[in-house]
Protein backbone atom coordinates (compact mmCIF):
# COMPACT_ATOMS: atom_id res chain seq x y z
CA MET A 1 128.67 58.32 77.02
CA LYS A 2 132.44 58.72 76.69
CA THR A 3 134.76 57.44 79.37
CA PHE A 4 137.90 59.15 80.53
CA LEU A 5 141.23 57.76 81.72
CA PHE A 6 143.83 59.89 83.46
CA LEU A 7 147.19 58.58 84.71
CA LEU A 8 149.26 60.42 87.32
CA LEU A 9 152.12 59.65 89.72
CA LEU A 10 150.86 60.70 93.13
CA PHE A 11 152.77 61.87 96.17
CA SER A 12 151.24 64.74 98.15
CA SER A 13 148.79 66.60 95.91
CA ALA A 14 145.30 66.88 97.44
CA PHE A 15 143.52 66.47 94.13
CA LEU A 16 144.46 63.19 92.56
CA GLN A 17 142.75 63.25 89.19
CA HIS A 18 139.89 65.16 87.74
CA SER A 19 137.76 65.61 84.66
CA THR A 20 135.15 68.27 83.98
CA THR A 21 132.49 66.63 86.14
CA VAL A 22 134.12 63.76 88.08
CA GLU A 23 137.23 64.05 90.23
CA LEU A 24 139.10 62.10 92.88
CA TYR A 25 140.82 63.63 95.92
CA LYS A 26 142.44 62.35 99.09
CA GLU A 27 142.58 63.13 102.77
CA GLU A 28 145.62 61.90 104.75
CA LYS A 29 144.92 60.45 108.20
CA GLU A 30 147.22 59.12 110.91
CA ASP A 31 147.26 55.52 109.69
CA HIS A 32 145.62 55.65 106.31
CA ILE A 33 144.62 57.71 103.27
CA GLU A 34 140.97 58.26 102.39
CA ILE A 35 140.06 58.52 98.71
CA TYR A 36 136.93 60.49 97.79
CA ALA A 37 135.06 60.92 94.52
CA ARG A 38 133.18 64.08 93.60
CA ASN A 39 130.39 63.63 91.05
CA GLN A 40 129.03 66.91 89.71
CA ASN A 41 126.59 65.29 87.29
CA VAL A 42 122.83 64.92 87.78
CA TYR A 43 123.13 61.15 87.30
CA PRO A 44 125.16 58.52 89.20
CA VAL A 45 128.48 57.38 87.78
CA THR A 46 130.42 54.16 88.09
CA ILE A 47 134.14 54.69 88.67
CA GLU A 48 136.73 52.02 87.93
CA ILE A 49 140.15 52.60 89.46
CA GLU A 50 143.50 51.01 88.56
CA LEU A 51 146.24 51.07 91.21
CA GLU A 52 149.98 50.43 91.35
CA ILE A 53 151.00 50.93 94.98
CA GLU A 54 154.08 50.66 97.21
CA ASN A 55 153.84 50.36 100.98
CA LEU A 56 150.04 50.80 100.92
CA ARG A 57 147.21 48.30 101.42
CA PRO A 58 143.73 48.89 99.92
CA ASP A 59 140.66 48.14 102.04
CA LYS A 60 139.32 45.73 99.38
CA ASN A 61 140.55 43.46 96.63
CA PRO A 62 140.22 44.40 92.94
CA PRO A 63 138.31 45.15 90.85
CA TYR A 64 138.01 48.64 92.32
CA LEU A 65 134.50 49.55 91.18
CA TYR A 66 132.38 52.20 92.90
CA THR A 67 129.05 53.88 92.22
CA VAL A 68 128.91 57.55 93.19
CA ASP A 69 125.57 59.30 93.60
CA PRO A 70 124.85 62.53 91.68
CA GLY A 71 125.87 65.90 93.07
CA ARG A 72 127.87 64.71 96.04
CA ASP A 73 131.27 63.82 97.49
CA GLN A 74 131.58 60.19 98.55
CA LYS A 75 134.39 58.23 100.21
CA ILE A 76 135.18 55.23 98.05
CA MET A 77 138.46 53.78 99.31
CA ASP A 78 140.88 53.58 102.27
CA LEU A 79 144.60 52.95 101.71
CA PHE A 80 146.41 51.85 104.87
CA TYR A 81 150.13 52.47 105.42
CA GLU A 82 152.18 49.30 105.69
CA ASP A 83 155.08 51.26 107.23
CA LYS A 84 154.56 55.03 107.17
CA SER A 85 158.18 55.75 108.09
CA ALA A 86 159.33 54.02 104.91
CA GLY A 87 157.38 56.39 102.64
CA TRP A 88 154.77 55.46 100.09
CA LYS A 89 153.77 56.09 96.52
CA TYR A 90 151.32 54.87 93.96
CA ARG A 91 150.31 55.26 90.39
CA SER A 92 146.60 55.37 89.66
CA GLY A 93 144.17 55.78 86.81
CA TYR A 94 140.42 55.77 86.53
CA GLN A 95 137.61 55.76 84.09
CA TYR A 96 133.97 56.48 84.76
CA TYR A 97 130.69 55.56 83.15
CA MET A 98 127.37 57.33 83.14
CA GLY A 99 125.04 55.36 85.43
CA ASP A 100 125.30 52.39 87.78
CA ILE A 101 126.55 49.16 86.17
CA ASN A 102 124.65 47.25 88.87
CA ALA A 103 121.26 48.73 87.88
CA ARG A 104 118.53 46.15 87.30
CA HIS A 105 115.63 46.91 85.00
CA ASN A 106 112.14 46.40 86.38
CA ASN A 107 110.97 43.90 83.76
CA SER A 108 107.40 43.95 85.07
CA PHE A 109 106.96 47.62 84.19
CA ALA A 110 104.56 48.46 81.34
CA TYR A 111 105.73 51.52 79.39
CA ARG A 112 103.30 54.06 77.96
CA LEU A 113 103.32 54.58 74.21
CA PRO A 114 105.24 57.87 73.79
CA TYR A 115 102.53 59.85 72.03
CA HIS A 116 99.02 61.20 72.56
CA ARG A 117 96.16 58.85 73.39
CA GLY A 118 94.11 58.04 70.31
CA GLU A 119 96.90 58.82 67.82
CA SER A 120 98.35 55.87 65.93
CA TYR A 121 101.85 55.41 64.54
CA LYS A 122 103.67 52.60 62.81
CA VAL A 123 106.85 50.96 64.11
CA ASP A 124 109.05 51.34 61.06
CA GLN A 125 112.01 49.60 62.70
CA GLY A 126 111.70 47.29 65.67
CA PHE A 127 113.93 45.12 67.83
CA GLY A 128 116.81 43.82 65.73
CA GLY A 129 115.91 46.06 62.77
CA GLN A 130 118.40 45.57 59.93
CA PHE A 131 118.87 49.27 59.15
CA SER A 132 120.42 50.39 62.45
CA HIS A 133 119.06 48.40 65.41
CA GLN A 134 122.02 46.12 65.99
CA GLY A 135 124.61 45.79 68.75
CA GLU A 136 123.96 48.20 71.61
CA LEU A 137 120.80 49.41 69.83
CA GLN A 138 119.29 45.95 69.30
CA TYR A 139 116.18 46.72 71.35
CA ALA A 140 115.40 50.18 69.98
CA LEU A 141 112.15 51.23 68.29
CA ASP A 142 111.50 53.78 65.52
CA PHE A 143 108.02 55.30 65.41
CA ASN A 144 107.11 56.88 62.06
CA MET A 145 105.49 60.23 62.86
CA PRO A 146 105.24 63.67 61.25
CA MET A 147 107.57 66.52 62.10
CA GLY A 148 106.53 68.29 65.29
CA THR A 149 104.47 65.46 66.80
CA ALA A 150 104.27 65.81 70.59
CA ILE A 151 106.41 63.22 72.40
CA TYR A 152 105.22 61.95 75.79
CA ALA A 153 107.31 60.43 78.58
CA ALA A 154 106.89 56.65 78.56
CA ARG A 155 107.84 56.39 82.24
CA ASN A 156 108.50 58.65 85.25
CA GLY A 157 112.07 59.85 85.69
CA LYS A 158 114.60 62.66 85.72
CA VAL A 159 116.03 64.43 82.68
CA VAL A 160 119.78 63.83 82.81
CA MET A 161 120.96 64.73 79.29
CA MET A 162 119.52 66.56 76.32
CA GLU A 163 120.37 68.35 73.10
CA GLU A 164 118.02 70.51 71.05
CA ASN A 165 120.25 72.93 69.13
CA SER A 166 120.99 70.86 66.04
CA ASP A 167 119.27 71.60 62.74
CA LYS A 168 121.17 68.95 60.77
CA GLY A 169 119.99 65.54 59.66
CA GLY A 170 120.10 63.09 56.78
CA PRO A 171 120.44 59.45 55.68
CA SER A 172 124.20 59.29 56.28
CA ALA A 173 125.98 57.79 59.29
CA ASN A 174 128.15 60.90 59.60
CA MET A 175 124.99 62.75 60.68
CA MET A 176 124.65 60.61 63.80
CA GLU A 177 126.28 63.15 66.14
CA PHE A 178 123.75 65.84 65.14
CA ALA A 179 120.66 64.16 66.60
CA ASN A 180 118.65 66.13 69.15
CA PHE A 181 117.59 63.96 72.07
CA ILE A 182 116.34 63.74 75.64
CA THR A 183 117.64 61.14 78.10
CA ILE A 184 115.54 60.31 81.16
CA MET A 185 116.78 58.23 84.10
CA HIS A 186 114.25 55.91 85.78
CA ASP A 187 114.05 54.95 89.44
CA ASP A 188 115.68 51.56 88.76
CA GLY A 189 118.81 53.23 87.33
CA THR A 190 118.02 52.59 83.67
CA PHE A 191 117.74 55.31 81.02
CA ALA A 192 115.42 56.04 78.10
CA ASP A 193 116.54 57.96 75.00
CA TYR A 194 114.05 59.91 72.88
CA SER A 195 115.98 60.90 69.75
CA HIS A 196 115.83 62.79 66.42
CA LEU A 197 113.81 65.64 67.95
CA LYS A 198 113.31 68.77 65.89
CA TYR A 199 115.44 71.89 66.32
CA GLN A 200 114.56 73.52 69.66
CA GLY A 201 112.24 70.57 70.17
CA ALA A 202 112.72 69.91 73.90
CA ASN A 203 110.05 70.85 76.40
CA VAL A 204 112.11 70.01 79.51
CA ARG A 205 115.37 70.97 81.21
CA ILE A 206 118.30 69.09 82.76
CA GLY A 207 117.48 67.87 86.26
CA GLN A 208 113.71 68.15 85.80
CA GLN A 209 111.48 65.39 87.14
CA VAL A 210 108.92 64.25 84.57
CA GLN A 211 105.83 62.10 84.88
CA MET A 212 104.66 59.34 82.55
CA GLY A 213 102.34 60.94 79.99
CA GLN A 214 103.94 64.39 80.20
CA VAL A 215 104.90 66.14 76.94
CA ILE A 216 108.70 66.32 76.84
CA GLY A 217 109.44 67.35 73.25
CA TYR A 218 108.57 67.22 69.55
CA SER A 219 109.62 64.79 66.83
CA GLY A 220 111.96 65.70 64.02
CA ALA A 221 114.58 64.32 61.65
CA THR A 222 117.88 65.50 63.14
CA GLY A 223 120.90 63.24 63.11
CA TYR A 224 121.08 59.95 61.19
CA ALA A 225 117.52 59.85 59.87
CA THR A 226 115.81 59.13 56.56
CA GLY A 227 112.79 61.18 57.64
CA PRO A 228 110.93 62.43 60.70
CA HIS A 229 110.44 59.81 63.39
CA LEU A 230 111.00 59.06 67.07
CA HIS A 231 113.81 56.71 68.05
CA PHE A 232 113.13 55.23 71.50
CA VAL A 233 115.36 52.91 73.50
CA VAL A 234 115.69 51.86 77.14
CA LYS A 235 119.25 51.05 78.20
CA LYS A 236 121.59 50.40 81.12
CA THR A 237 125.28 51.10 81.63
CA LYS A 238 127.74 48.27 81.14
CA ARG A 239 131.22 47.83 82.53
CA GLY A 240 133.87 49.32 80.28
CA GLY A 241 131.55 52.04 79.02
CA GLY A 242 128.64 52.19 76.65
CA PHE A 243 125.19 50.74 77.18
CA THR A 244 123.12 47.61 76.75
CA SER A 245 119.61 48.08 75.34
CA ILE A 246 116.67 46.39 77.08
CA PRO A 247 113.60 44.72 75.46
CA VAL A 248 110.68 46.51 77.12
CA LYS A 249 106.91 46.06 76.97
CA PHE A 250 104.16 48.63 76.43
CA ALA A 251 100.57 48.96 77.62
CA THR A 252 98.36 48.77 74.53
CA LYS A 253 94.71 47.99 73.76
CA ASP A 254 95.87 44.44 73.04
CA GLY A 255 97.45 44.11 76.49
CA ILE A 256 101.02 44.49 77.73
CA ILE A 257 103.19 43.44 74.81
CA GLN A 258 106.46 43.90 72.99
CA LEU A 259 105.91 46.00 69.89
CA ARG A 260 106.49 44.45 66.48
CA GLU A 261 108.14 46.00 63.45
CA GLY A 262 105.61 46.90 60.77
CA ASP A 263 102.63 47.11 63.13
CA THR A 264 100.69 50.26 64.02
CA TYR A 265 99.69 51.07 67.61
CA ILE A 266 97.10 53.45 69.01
CA GLY A 267 98.15 55.62 71.93
CA TYR A 268 96.66 54.13 75.05
């Protein structure tokens, strides 16, 4: 998820800064200024504000970090006048991240294998896989499965991002941006990505609530892919932007375990 930074010298404009989906605005009161954030996304965002102020006192010490719920306006800061008759000014900037940086994964949760019960697929690339599961993707999994295999939600949640209109894919890193995917937000604030779906391969819509075991799409080979497979990763937002992947466990016939690269697992 990209972050945005906008700098502006502020005096009396009502709208302070804005992007396509997140904006800040102010309301002037008798002894202070109230700063509000408007989040038009279907997921929460974390906003980080930088301030250079004269004759104003914030209601908290830095860092100025705030989580704003989806689809709402929320007061995030009060700036009190030190001496209103002397005038005031400030320079501000902000960046925002998709999700809540304070989210905590429920490590006791057992995920469902993301395909039909009774079907079996091999984990071609597991945690720490040398081909592409490094850095932020360290705890991703690649399931080798034929084109058009039904993909099932591994956990309840809400669809917050998706793309299904790409028909491009191949074994080159410059294909990465062409991957079709579905991103689902869980009730603990973490997200799951289901990637490399086929063209028009989504079976859900933005904002839809889905249940574990529900068909959400169909596998493909779009984006950076050597062949058809499902790329699955659970992640959380980190300060400064980007995500940290999370090592999750699945319910299998062998118990609740972390999946291993090279092994095959039967949907359960």
